[in-house]
Amino acid sequence: MTTLYDTLSVPENATAEEIKRAYRKAVMRWHPDRNVGQEQVARAAFLDIRNAYAILSDPAQRQLYDSVFAEEMKRQEAQRLRKEQEQAEREAELRAAQEAEYASRVGLAMRFATQGYNRDVVRGVLLAHDCDDELACRIADSVLALHASRQSEVASMEPEAAASPKQDAHDTPNAQQEEDPAPADRVRSFSDLWMPFWNVLRS
């Protein structure tokens, strides 16, 4: 917002003498006779300078202008702060919605990963739920890597548990605890892969 002080190129606490000197300098610069070829622009600037000086050179009018200007500045500042707060609230709501949507997609991908489905199936499930391809690939890769890491942790703990089995009092000395066979990768049939995937597509 351009002020009368800006028009004369003086600070708001300028003295009457400083305002007068600035006015004389400005009218000399923007007098239409000194601006051949841009008389219209010079004339408009010249009138603005004269009007600014008419107000700022009068103590009563300057005081009134300062009070109105101060109130206007307060109003504009309050309006700016209100807009910034509203913008921040909208951005926070958008971030919360995006985080909730992302968490939902990760949970969906994890559910299919723990059931043994491969990357293409997990990615396809995400695409069916309006997830863009780049994000679907990232989520699928991350979820499958996390699932594989958890499986490795579980597998590494099983030999430790089997190394020191507890012998029951009723067992014979040569009795051994039977170990559950390690889960092997199973090749799912086409129907096993497709039916759950199709159910998700329809949901």
N, C-alpha and C. Protein backbone atom coordinates (compact mmCIF):
# COMPACT_ATOMS: atom_id res chain seq x y z
N MET A 1 0.85 -1.20 0.00
CA MET A 1 0.00 0.00 0.00
C MET A 1 0.88 1.24 0.00
N THR A 2 0.73 2.08 -1.04
CA THR A 2 1.53 3.31 -1.14
C THR A 2 0.91 4.39 -0.27
N THR A 3 1.75 5.03 0.54
CA THR A 3 1.28 6.09 1.44
C THR A 3 1.68 7.45 0.89
N LEU A 4 1.17 8.49 1.52
CA LEU A 4 1.57 9.84 1.12
C LEU A 4 3.05 10.07 1.38
N TYR A 5 3.55 9.43 2.42
CA TYR A 5 4.98 9.55 2.72
C TYR A 5 5.81 8.88 1.61
N ASP A 6 5.30 7.77 1.10
CA ASP A 6 5.99 7.12 -0.02
C ASP A 6 5.99 8.01 -1.26
N THR A 7 4.89 8.70 -1.48
CA THR A 7 4.80 9.57 -2.65
C THR A 7 5.87 10.65 -2.62
N LEU A 8 6.16 11.18 -1.43
CA LEU A 8 7.18 12.21 -1.29
C LEU A 8 8.55 11.63 -0.95
N SER A 9 8.62 10.32 -0.79
CA SER A 9 9.89 9.64 -0.48
C SER A 9 10.50 10.17 0.83
N VAL A 10 9.65 10.22 1.87
CA VAL A 10 10.12 10.63 3.19
C VAL A 10 9.62 9.62 4.21
N PRO A 11 10.30 9.47 5.35
CA PRO A 11 9.82 8.56 6.39
C PRO A 11 8.59 9.13 7.09
N GLU A 12 7.89 8.27 7.82
CA GLU A 12 6.66 8.71 8.49
C GLU A 12 6.92 9.71 9.61
N ASN A 13 8.14 9.74 10.13
CA ASN A 13 8.47 10.69 11.20
C ASN A 13 9.23 11.90 10.67
N ALA A 14 9.08 12.16 9.37
CA ALA A 14 9.79 13.30 8.77
C ALA A 14 9.30 14.62 9.35
N THR A 15 10.22 15.57 9.46
CA THR A 15 9.85 16.90 9.96
C THR A 15 9.19 17.70 8.84
N ALA A 16 8.59 18.82 9.22
CA ALA A 16 7.93 19.68 8.23
C ALA A 16 8.94 20.19 7.20
N GLU A 17 10.16 20.48 7.65
CA GLU A 17 11.19 20.97 6.73
C GLU A 17 11.62 19.86 5.76
N GLU A 18 11.75 18.66 6.25
CA GLU A 18 12.11 17.53 5.37
C GLU A 18 11.02 17.27 4.34
N ILE A 19 9.76 17.40 4.75
CA ILE A 19 8.65 17.21 3.81
C ILE A 19 8.67 18.29 2.74
N LYS A 20 8.97 19.53 3.12
CA LYS A 20 9.01 20.62 2.15
C LYS A 20 10.14 20.42 1.14
N ARG A 21 11.32 20.02 1.62
CA ARG A 21 12.44 19.80 0.70
C ARG A 21 12.13 18.65 -0.26
N ALA A 22 11.51 17.57 0.27
CA ALA A 22 11.17 16.43 -0.57
C ALA A 22 10.13 16.82 -1.62
N TYR A 23 9.21 17.68 -1.23
CA TYR A 23 8.18 18.12 -2.17
C TYR A 23 8.80 18.92 -3.32
N ARG A 24 9.68 19.86 -3.01
CA ARG A 24 10.31 20.67 -4.05
C ARG A 24 11.13 19.81 -5.01
N LYS A 25 11.82 18.83 -4.46
CA LYS A 25 12.61 17.94 -5.30
C LYS A 25 11.71 17.10 -6.20
N ALA A 26 10.59 16.60 -5.66
CA ALA A 26 9.69 15.74 -6.42
C ALA A 26 8.99 16.50 -7.54
N VAL A 27 8.53 17.74 -7.25
CA VAL A 27 7.82 18.49 -8.30
C VAL A 27 8.78 18.89 -9.42
N MET A 28 10.02 19.13 -9.07
CA MET A 28 11.00 19.44 -10.11
C MET A 28 11.23 18.22 -11.01
N ARG A 29 11.26 17.07 -10.40
CA ARG A 29 11.51 15.85 -11.17
C ARG A 29 10.34 15.50 -12.07
N TRP A 30 9.11 15.63 -11.56
CA TRP A 30 7.94 15.15 -12.28
C TRP A 30 7.13 16.27 -12.95
N HIS A 31 7.68 17.46 -13.08
CA HIS A 31 6.95 18.52 -13.77
C HIS A 31 6.78 18.11 -15.23
N PRO A 32 5.56 18.23 -15.77
CA PRO A 32 5.31 17.80 -17.15
C PRO A 32 6.26 18.43 -18.17
N ASP A 33 6.69 19.69 -17.92
CA ASP A 33 7.59 20.34 -18.87
C ASP A 33 8.97 19.70 -18.90
N ARG A 34 9.31 18.97 -17.85
CA ARG A 34 10.62 18.31 -17.78
C ARG A 34 10.56 16.85 -18.24
N ASN A 35 9.39 16.38 -18.63
CA ASN A 35 9.21 14.98 -19.02
C ASN A 35 8.57 14.90 -20.41
N VAL A 36 9.30 15.39 -21.39
CA VAL A 36 8.80 15.38 -22.76
C VAL A 36 8.70 13.93 -23.25
N GLY A 37 7.55 13.62 -23.81
CA GLY A 37 7.32 12.27 -24.31
C GLY A 37 6.54 11.41 -23.34
N GLN A 38 6.51 11.80 -22.07
CA GLN A 38 5.71 11.07 -21.08
C GLN A 38 4.97 12.05 -20.18
N GLU A 39 4.40 13.03 -20.86
CA GLU A 39 3.70 14.08 -20.12
C GLU A 39 2.54 13.54 -19.29
N GLN A 40 1.81 12.58 -19.83
CA GLN A 40 0.64 12.07 -19.11
C GLN A 40 1.05 11.40 -17.80
N VAL A 41 2.10 10.59 -17.83
CA VAL A 41 2.59 9.94 -16.62
C VAL A 41 3.11 10.97 -15.64
N ALA A 42 3.86 11.94 -16.15
CA ALA A 42 4.42 12.98 -15.29
C ALA A 42 3.33 13.82 -14.65
N ARG A 43 2.28 14.11 -15.43
CA ARG A 43 1.19 14.93 -14.88
C ARG A 43 0.47 14.21 -13.73
N ALA A 44 0.23 12.91 -13.88
CA ALA A 44 -0.42 12.15 -12.82
C ALA A 44 0.46 12.11 -11.58
N ALA A 45 1.78 11.88 -11.74
CA ALA A 45 2.70 11.85 -10.60
C ALA A 45 2.78 13.24 -9.96
N PHE A 46 2.77 14.27 -10.78
CA PHE A 46 2.85 15.64 -10.27
C PHE A 46 1.64 15.96 -9.39
N LEU A 47 0.44 15.54 -9.83
CA LEU A 47 -0.76 15.79 -9.05
C LEU A 47 -0.74 15.01 -7.73
N ASP A 48 -0.27 13.77 -7.77
CA ASP A 48 -0.16 12.97 -6.55
C ASP A 48 0.78 13.64 -5.55
N ILE A 49 1.86 14.18 -6.04
CA ILE A 49 2.84 14.84 -5.18
C ILE A 49 2.24 16.08 -4.54
N ARG A 50 1.51 16.86 -5.32
CA ARG A 50 0.88 18.09 -4.78
C ARG A 50 -0.17 17.74 -3.72
N ASN A 51 -0.98 16.70 -4.00
CA ASN A 51 -1.99 16.30 -3.02
C ASN A 51 -1.36 15.79 -1.74
N ALA A 52 -0.29 15.02 -1.87
CA ALA A 52 0.39 14.50 -0.68
C ALA A 52 0.95 15.64 0.15
N TYR A 53 1.55 16.61 -0.51
CA TYR A 53 2.14 17.73 0.23
C TYR A 53 1.07 18.58 0.89
N ALA A 54 -0.09 18.73 0.22
CA ALA A 54 -1.17 19.53 0.78
C ALA A 54 -1.63 18.97 2.12
N ILE A 55 -1.62 17.66 2.24
CA ILE A 55 -2.08 17.03 3.49
C ILE A 55 -0.96 17.00 4.53
N LEU A 56 0.22 16.57 4.12
CA LEU A 56 1.31 16.41 5.09
C LEU A 56 1.91 17.72 5.56
N SER A 57 1.70 18.77 4.80
CA SER A 57 2.22 20.08 5.24
C SER A 57 1.29 20.78 6.21
N ASP A 58 0.07 20.27 6.35
CA ASP A 58 -0.89 20.82 7.30
C ASP A 58 -0.90 19.94 8.54
N PRO A 59 -0.50 20.44 9.70
CA PRO A 59 -0.40 19.61 10.91
C PRO A 59 -1.70 18.89 11.27
N ALA A 60 -2.84 19.57 11.16
CA ALA A 60 -4.11 18.95 11.52
C ALA A 60 -4.46 17.83 10.55
N GLN A 61 -4.31 18.10 9.25
CA GLN A 61 -4.63 17.07 8.26
C GLN A 61 -3.64 15.89 8.35
N ARG A 62 -2.39 16.23 8.65
CA ARG A 62 -1.39 15.14 8.77
C ARG A 62 -1.73 14.25 9.97
N GLN A 63 -2.13 14.85 11.08
CA GLN A 63 -2.48 14.06 12.26
C GLN A 63 -3.68 13.16 11.97
N LEU A 64 -4.68 13.72 11.27
CA LEU A 64 -5.86 12.93 10.92
C LEU A 64 -5.46 11.80 9.97
N TYR A 65 -4.62 12.11 9.01
CA TYR A 65 -4.18 11.08 8.06
C TYR A 65 -3.42 9.97 8.79
N ASP A 66 -2.55 10.34 9.71
CA ASP A 66 -1.78 9.34 10.45
C ASP A 66 -2.69 8.42 11.24
N SER A 67 -3.76 9.03 11.88
CA SER A 67 -4.66 8.18 12.66
C SER A 67 -5.44 7.23 11.77
N VAL A 68 -5.96 7.72 10.63
CA VAL A 68 -6.71 6.86 9.72
C VAL A 68 -5.78 5.80 9.12
N PHE A 69 -4.57 6.23 8.78
CA PHE A 69 -3.61 5.29 8.19
C PHE A 69 -3.25 4.19 9.19
N ALA A 70 -3.06 4.57 10.46
CA ALA A 70 -2.71 3.58 11.48
C ALA A 70 -3.82 2.56 11.66
N GLU A 71 -5.06 3.02 11.66
CA GLU A 71 -6.19 2.11 11.79
C GLU A 71 -6.28 1.18 10.58
N GLU A 72 -6.01 1.74 9.40
CA GLU A 72 -6.06 0.92 8.19
C GLU A 72 -4.96 -0.14 8.22
N MET A 73 -3.79 0.23 8.71
CA MET A 73 -2.69 -0.73 8.81
C MET A 73 -3.05 -1.86 9.78
N LYS A 74 -3.69 -1.50 10.88
CA LYS A 74 -4.11 -2.51 11.84
C LYS A 74 -5.13 -3.45 11.21
N ARG A 75 -6.06 -2.87 10.45
CA ARG A 75 -7.09 -3.69 9.81
C ARG A 75 -6.46 -4.64 8.79
N GLN A 76 -5.55 -4.11 7.99
CA GLN A 76 -4.91 -4.95 6.99
C GLN A 76 -4.04 -6.03 7.63
N GLU A 77 -3.38 -5.70 8.72
CA GLU A 77 -2.55 -6.68 9.41
C GLU A 77 -3.41 -7.79 10.01
N ALA A 78 -4.56 -7.41 10.60
CA ALA A 78 -5.46 -8.41 11.15
C ALA A 78 -6.02 -9.30 10.04
N GLN A 79 -6.33 -8.70 8.91
CA GLN A 79 -6.84 -9.47 7.78
C GLN A 79 -5.77 -10.44 7.25
N ARG A 80 -4.53 -9.96 7.21
CA ARG A 80 -3.43 -10.83 6.74
C ARG A 80 -3.23 -12.02 7.68
N LEU A 81 -3.24 -11.74 8.98
CA LEU A 81 -3.07 -12.82 9.95
C LEU A 81 -4.21 -13.82 9.89
N ARG A 82 -5.43 -13.31 9.69
CA ARG A 82 -6.58 -14.20 9.59
C ARG A 82 -6.46 -15.10 8.36
N LYS A 83 -6.04 -14.54 7.25
CA LYS A 83 -5.87 -15.33 6.03
C LYS A 83 -4.77 -16.38 6.20
N GLU A 84 -3.70 -15.99 6.85
CA GLU A 84 -2.60 -16.94 7.09
C GLU A 84 -3.05 -18.09 7.98
N GLN A 85 -3.85 -17.76 9.01
CA GLN A 85 -4.35 -18.80 9.91
C GLN A 85 -5.30 -19.74 9.17
N GLU A 86 -6.18 -19.19 8.35
CA GLU A 86 -7.11 -20.01 7.58
C GLU A 86 -6.35 -20.91 6.61
N GLN A 87 -5.31 -20.35 5.98
CA GLN A 87 -4.50 -21.15 5.05
C GLN A 87 -3.78 -22.28 5.78
N ALA A 88 -3.24 -21.95 6.97
CA ALA A 88 -2.54 -22.97 7.76
C ALA A 88 -3.50 -24.08 8.19
N GLU A 89 -4.73 -23.72 8.55
CA GLU A 89 -5.71 -24.72 8.94
C GLU A 89 -6.09 -25.61 7.76
N ARG A 90 -6.26 -24.99 6.58
CA ARG A 90 -6.58 -25.80 5.39
C ARG A 90 -5.45 -26.76 5.05
N GLU A 91 -4.22 -26.27 5.16
CA GLU A 91 -3.07 -27.13 4.87
C GLU A 91 -2.96 -28.27 5.88
N ALA A 92 -3.25 -27.97 7.16
CA ALA A 92 -3.20 -29.01 8.19
C ALA A 92 -4.28 -30.08 7.93
N GLU A 93 -5.47 -29.65 7.55
CA GLU A 93 -6.54 -30.60 7.25
C GLU A 93 -6.17 -31.46 6.04
N LEU A 94 -5.56 -30.84 5.04
CA LEU A 94 -5.17 -31.58 3.85
C LEU A 94 -4.09 -32.60 4.18
N ARG A 95 -3.11 -32.19 5.00
CA ARG A 95 -2.06 -33.13 5.40
C ARG A 95 -2.63 -34.30 6.20
N ALA A 96 -3.57 -34.01 7.11
CA ALA A 96 -4.17 -35.07 7.91
C ALA A 96 -4.93 -36.05 7.02
N ALA A 97 -5.66 -35.53 6.03
CA ALA A 97 -6.40 -36.40 5.12
C ALA A 97 -5.45 -37.25 4.28
N GLN A 98 -4.36 -36.64 3.82
CA GLN A 98 -3.38 -37.39 3.03
C GLN A 98 -2.70 -38.46 3.85
N GLU A 99 -2.37 -38.14 5.10
CA GLU A 99 -1.74 -39.14 5.97
C GLU A 99 -2.68 -40.30 6.28
N ALA A 100 -3.96 -39.99 6.50
CA ALA A 100 -4.94 -41.04 6.77
C ALA A 100 -5.11 -41.93 5.54
N GLU A 101 -5.15 -41.31 4.37
CA GLU A 101 -5.30 -42.08 3.14
C GLU A 101 -4.07 -42.97 2.90
N TYR A 102 -2.90 -42.41 3.17
CA TYR A 102 -1.66 -43.19 2.99
C TYR A 102 -1.63 -44.37 3.96
N ALA A 103 -2.00 -44.12 5.22
CA ALA A 103 -2.01 -45.19 6.22
C ALA A 103 -2.99 -46.29 5.81
N SER A 104 -4.13 -45.89 5.26
CA SER A 104 -5.12 -46.88 4.82
C SER A 104 -4.56 -47.74 3.69
N ARG A 105 -3.86 -47.12 2.76
CA ARG A 105 -3.29 -47.87 1.64
C ARG A 105 -2.17 -48.80 2.11
N VAL A 106 -1.37 -48.34 3.06
CA VAL A 106 -0.31 -49.20 3.59
C VAL A 106 -0.92 -50.40 4.30
N GLY A 107 -1.97 -50.17 5.09
CA GLY A 107 -2.64 -51.27 5.77
C GLY A 107 -3.22 -52.28 4.80
N LEU A 108 -3.80 -51.78 3.70
CA LEU A 108 -4.35 -52.67 2.68
C LEU A 108 -3.23 -53.49 2.03
N ALA A 109 -2.13 -52.83 1.70
CA ALA A 109 -1.01 -53.55 1.08
C ALA A 109 -0.42 -54.58 2.03
N MET A 110 -0.31 -54.23 3.30
CA MET A 110 0.25 -55.16 4.28
C MET A 110 -0.63 -56.40 4.43
N ARG A 111 -1.93 -56.20 4.36
CA ARG A 111 -2.85 -57.34 4.50
C ARG A 111 -2.61 -58.35 3.38
N PHE A 112 -2.42 -57.88 2.15
CA PHE A 112 -2.19 -58.80 1.05
C PHE A 112 -0.77 -59.36 1.07
N ALA A 113 0.20 -58.57 1.57
CA ALA A 113 1.58 -59.06 1.64
C ALA A 113 1.68 -60.21 2.63
N THR A 114 1.01 -60.09 3.78
CA THR A 114 1.08 -61.14 4.79
C THR A 114 0.35 -62.41 4.36
N GLN A 115 -0.50 -62.28 3.35
CA GLN A 115 -1.18 -63.46 2.82
C GLN A 115 -0.35 -64.16 1.74
N GLY A 116 0.83 -63.62 1.44
CA GLY A 116 1.72 -64.28 0.51
C GLY A 116 1.64 -63.80 -0.92
N TYR A 117 0.90 -62.73 -1.18
CA TYR A 117 0.80 -62.25 -2.55
C TYR A 117 2.07 -61.49 -2.95
N ASN A 118 2.36 -61.53 -4.25
CA ASN A 118 3.59 -60.89 -4.73
C ASN A 118 3.38 -59.40 -5.01
N ARG A 119 4.44 -58.77 -5.50
CA ARG A 119 4.44 -57.31 -5.69
C ARG A 119 3.38 -56.87 -6.70
N ASP A 120 3.23 -57.64 -7.78
CA ASP A 120 2.27 -57.24 -8.82
C ASP A 120 0.84 -57.23 -8.29
N VAL A 121 0.52 -58.21 -7.47
CA VAL A 121 -0.84 -58.27 -6.91
C VAL A 121 -1.07 -57.12 -5.93
N VAL A 122 -0.08 -56.89 -5.06
CA VAL A 122 -0.22 -55.79 -4.09
C VAL A 122 -0.34 -54.45 -4.82
N ARG A 123 0.48 -54.26 -5.83
CA ARG A 123 0.41 -53.03 -6.62
C ARG A 123 -0.95 -52.90 -7.30
N GLY A 124 -1.46 -54.02 -7.86
CA GLY A 124 -2.76 -53.97 -8.53
C GLY A 124 -3.89 -53.63 -7.58
N VAL A 125 -3.83 -54.13 -6.36
CA VAL A 125 -4.85 -53.80 -5.36
C VAL A 125 -4.85 -52.29 -5.08
N LEU A 126 -3.67 -51.74 -4.95
CA LEU A 126 -3.56 -50.30 -4.67
C LEU A 126 -4.07 -49.47 -5.85
N LEU A 127 -3.73 -49.89 -7.05
CA LEU A 127 -4.21 -49.17 -8.24
C LEU A 127 -5.73 -49.21 -8.31
N ALA A 128 -6.32 -50.32 -7.90
CA ALA A 128 -7.78 -50.44 -7.92
C ALA A 128 -8.44 -49.52 -6.90
N HIS A 129 -7.67 -49.05 -5.94
CA HIS A 129 -8.20 -48.13 -4.93
C HIS A 129 -7.73 -46.69 -5.19
N ASP A 130 -7.63 -46.33 -6.47
CA ASP A 130 -7.34 -44.96 -6.89
C ASP A 130 -5.99 -44.45 -6.40
N CYS A 131 -5.02 -45.33 -6.33
CA CYS A 131 -3.66 -44.94 -5.95
C CYS A 131 -2.85 -44.81 -7.23
N ASP A 132 -2.12 -43.71 -7.40
CA ASP A 132 -1.35 -43.57 -8.64
C ASP A 132 -0.21 -44.60 -8.66
N ASP A 133 0.25 -44.90 -9.87
CA ASP A 133 1.16 -46.03 -10.06
C ASP A 133 2.48 -45.84 -9.31
N GLU A 134 3.03 -44.63 -9.33
CA GLU A 134 4.31 -44.41 -8.66
C GLU A 134 4.21 -44.66 -7.16
N LEU A 135 3.15 -44.14 -6.55
CA LEU A 135 2.95 -44.35 -5.11
C LEU A 135 2.64 -45.82 -4.82
N ALA A 136 1.86 -46.45 -5.68
CA ALA A 136 1.52 -47.87 -5.48
C ALA A 136 2.78 -48.73 -5.51
N CYS A 137 3.71 -48.42 -6.41
CA CYS A 137 4.96 -49.18 -6.48
C CYS A 137 5.79 -48.97 -5.21
N ARG A 138 5.87 -47.73 -4.74
CA ARG A 138 6.65 -47.45 -3.54
C ARG A 138 6.08 -48.17 -2.32
N ILE A 139 4.76 -48.10 -2.17
CA ILE A 139 4.12 -48.76 -1.03
C ILE A 139 4.31 -50.27 -1.12
N ALA A 140 4.11 -50.83 -2.30
CA ALA A 140 4.25 -52.28 -2.45
C ALA A 140 5.67 -52.72 -2.11
N ASP A 141 6.66 -52.00 -2.61
CA ASP A 141 8.05 -52.36 -2.33
C ASP A 141 8.35 -52.26 -0.83
N SER A 142 7.90 -51.18 -0.21
CA SER A 142 8.18 -50.98 1.22
C SER A 142 7.50 -52.03 2.08
N VAL A 143 6.25 -52.31 1.78
CA VAL A 143 5.49 -53.28 2.57
C VAL A 143 6.06 -54.68 2.43
N LEU A 144 6.41 -55.06 1.21
CA LEU A 144 6.97 -56.40 1.00
C LEU A 144 8.34 -56.53 1.65
N ALA A 145 9.13 -55.46 1.62
CA ALA A 145 10.43 -55.49 2.29
C ALA A 145 10.26 -55.61 3.79
N LEU A 146 9.28 -54.89 4.35
CA LEU A 146 9.02 -54.98 5.78
C LEU A 146 8.54 -56.38 6.17
N HIS A 147 7.66 -56.94 5.34
CA HIS A 147 7.15 -58.28 5.62
C HIS A 147 8.27 -59.31 5.56
N ALA A 148 9.15 -59.20 4.56
CA ALA A 148 10.28 -60.12 4.44
C ALA A 148 11.22 -59.99 5.64
N SER A 149 11.41 -58.76 6.11
CA SER A 149 12.27 -58.54 7.28
C SER A 149 11.68 -59.19 8.52
N ARG A 150 10.38 -59.06 8.69
CA ARG A 150 9.72 -59.68 9.85
C ARG A 150 9.81 -61.20 9.77
N GLN A 151 9.65 -61.76 8.58
CA GLN A 151 9.76 -63.21 8.42
C GLN A 151 11.16 -63.69 8.75
N SER A 152 12.17 -62.91 8.37
CA SER A 152 13.56 -63.27 8.67
C SER A 152 13.81 -63.26 10.16
N GLU A 153 13.24 -62.27 10.85
CA GLU A 153 13.40 -62.20 12.31
C GLU A 153 12.77 -63.42 12.98
N VAL A 154 11.57 -63.79 12.52
CA VAL A 154 10.90 -64.96 13.11
C VAL A 154 11.69 -66.22 12.82
N ALA A 155 12.21 -66.36 11.59
CA ALA A 155 12.97 -67.55 11.23
C ALA A 155 14.26 -67.65 12.02
N SER A 156 14.90 -66.52 12.32
CA SER A 156 16.15 -66.54 13.08
C SER A 156 15.93 -66.89 14.54
N MET A 157 14.72 -66.66 15.05
CA MET A 157 14.41 -66.99 16.44
C MET A 157 14.06 -68.47 16.61
N GLU A 158 13.59 -69.13 15.57
CA GLU A 158 13.17 -70.52 15.69
C GLU A 158 14.32 -71.47 16.03
N PRO A 159 15.54 -71.37 15.39
CA PRO A 159 16.65 -72.26 15.77
C PRO A 159 17.07 -72.11 17.23
N GLU A 160 16.99 -70.91 17.78
CA GLU A 160 17.35 -70.68 19.18
C GLU A 160 16.38 -71.42 20.10
N ALA A 161 15.10 -71.37 19.74
CA ALA A 161 14.11 -72.06 20.56
C ALA A 161 14.28 -73.58 20.45
N ALA A 162 14.69 -74.08 19.27
CA ALA A 162 14.85 -75.52 19.08
C ALA A 162 16.15 -76.03 19.68
N ALA A 163 17.12 -75.17 19.93
CA ALA A 163 18.43 -75.60 20.44
C ALA A 163 18.34 -76.08 21.88
N SER A 164 17.40 -75.59 22.67
CA SER A 164 17.28 -76.00 24.07
C SER A 164 15.84 -76.40 24.38
N PRO A 165 15.37 -77.53 23.83
CA PRO A 165 13.98 -77.95 24.07
C PRO A 165 13.79 -78.47 25.48
N LYS A 166 12.63 -78.18 26.03
CA LYS A 166 12.31 -78.68 27.37
C LYS A 166 11.78 -80.12 27.26
N GLN A 167 12.38 -81.04 28.08
CA GLN A 167 11.97 -82.45 28.04
C GLN A 167 10.91 -82.71 29.10
N ASP A 168 9.82 -83.27 28.65
CA ASP A 168 8.74 -83.56 29.59
C ASP A 168 9.10 -84.80 30.42
N ALA A 169 8.63 -84.87 31.65
CA ALA A 169 8.96 -85.98 32.55
C ALA A 169 8.47 -87.31 32.01
N HIS A 170 7.42 -87.32 31.21
CA HIS A 170 6.85 -88.56 30.70
C HIS A 170 7.50 -88.98 29.39
N ASP A 171 8.34 -88.10 28.79
CA ASP A 171 8.98 -88.45 27.53
C ASP A 171 10.13 -89.41 27.78
N THR A 172 10.44 -90.27 26.82
CA THR A 172 11.58 -91.17 26.91
C THR A 172 12.84 -90.39 26.64
N PRO A 173 14.03 -90.87 27.06
CA PRO A 173 15.27 -90.11 26.86
C PRO A 173 15.53 -89.80 25.41
N ASN A 174 15.10 -90.69 24.52
CA ASN A 174 15.40 -90.46 23.11
C ASN A 174 14.30 -89.67 22.40
N ALA A 175 13.30 -89.27 23.17
CA ALA A 175 12.20 -88.56 22.53
C ALA A 175 12.64 -87.16 22.12
N GLN A 176 12.21 -86.73 20.99
CA GLN A 176 12.54 -85.38 20.49
C GLN A 176 11.24 -84.66 20.14
N GLN A 177 11.30 -83.38 20.36
CA GLN A 177 10.13 -82.59 20.00
C GLN A 177 10.06 -82.47 18.50
N GLU A 178 8.87 -82.65 18.01
CA GLU A 178 8.69 -82.49 16.58
C GLU A 178 8.59 -81.01 16.25
N GLU A 179 9.32 -80.66 15.25
CA GLU A 179 9.30 -79.26 14.82
C GLU A 179 8.29 -79.10 13.69
N ASP A 180 7.62 -77.99 13.77
CA ASP A 180 6.71 -77.69 12.67
C ASP A 180 7.53 -77.41 11.43
N PRO A 181 7.15 -77.93 10.33
CA PRO A 181 7.92 -77.67 9.11
C PRO A 181 7.93 -76.18 8.81
N ALA A 182 9.10 -75.73 8.35
CA ALA A 182 9.23 -74.30 8.02
C ALA A 182 8.29 -73.97 6.88
N PRO A 183 7.65 -72.84 7.00
CA PRO A 183 6.71 -72.49 5.91
C PRO A 183 7.46 -72.30 4.61
N ALA A 184 7.05 -73.01 3.60
CA ALA A 184 7.70 -72.91 2.29
C ALA A 184 6.87 -72.02 1.40
N ASP A 185 7.54 -71.45 0.44
CA ASP A 185 6.82 -70.61 -0.51
C ASP A 185 5.92 -71.49 -1.35
N ARG A 186 4.66 -71.20 -1.32
CA ARG A 186 3.70 -71.99 -2.06
C ARG A 186 3.31 -71.26 -3.33
N VAL A 187 3.20 -71.99 -4.38
CA VAL A 187 2.75 -71.40 -5.64
C VAL A 187 1.24 -71.44 -5.64
N ARG A 188 0.66 -70.27 -5.54
CA ARG A 188 -0.79 -70.23 -5.47
C ARG A 188 -1.38 -70.47 -6.87
N SER A 189 -2.49 -71.12 -6.87
CA SER A 189 -3.18 -71.33 -8.14
C SER A 189 -3.75 -70.01 -8.61
N PHE A 190 -4.13 -69.97 -9.88
CA PHE A 190 -4.67 -68.74 -10.45
C PHE A 190 -5.92 -68.29 -9.70
N SER A 191 -6.76 -69.23 -9.33
CA SER A 191 -7.99 -68.85 -8.62
C SER A 191 -7.68 -68.32 -7.23
N ASP A 192 -6.64 -68.90 -6.55
CA ASP A 192 -6.27 -68.41 -5.23
C ASP A 192 -5.78 -66.97 -5.30
N LEU A 193 -5.09 -66.62 -6.36
CA LEU A 193 -4.59 -65.26 -6.51
C LEU A 193 -5.68 -64.30 -6.92
N TRP A 194 -6.51 -64.74 -7.85
CA TRP A 194 -7.43 -63.82 -8.48
C TRP A 194 -8.67 -63.51 -7.65
N MET A 195 -9.26 -64.51 -6.97
CA MET A 195 -10.52 -64.28 -6.30
C MET A 195 -10.45 -63.22 -5.21
N PRO A 196 -9.45 -63.28 -4.29
CA PRO A 196 -9.39 -62.19 -3.29
C PRO A 196 -9.14 -60.84 -3.95
N PHE A 197 -8.30 -60.85 -4.98
CA PHE A 197 -8.01 -59.60 -5.68
C PHE A 197 -9.27 -59.03 -6.32
N TRP A 198 -10.07 -59.91 -6.91
CA TRP A 198 -11.32 -59.47 -7.53
C TRP A 198 -12.30 -58.94 -6.48
N ASN A 199 -12.34 -59.59 -5.32
CA ASN A 199 -13.23 -59.11 -4.24
C ASN A 199 -12.83 -57.71 -3.80
N VAL A 200 -11.53 -57.44 -3.75
CA VAL A 200 -11.08 -56.10 -3.37
C VAL A 200 -11.47 -55.09 -4.45
N LEU A 201 -11.35 -55.48 -5.69
CA LEU A 201 -11.72 -54.58 -6.78
C LEU A 201 -13.18 -54.18 -6.70
N ARG A 202 -14.03 -55.13 -6.30
CA ARG A 202 -15.46 -54.85 -6.23
C ARG A 202 -15.86 -54.10 -4.97
N SER A 203 -14.97 -54.10 -3.95
CA SER A 203 -15.35 -53.47 -2.68
C SER A 203 -15.22 -51.96 -2.77
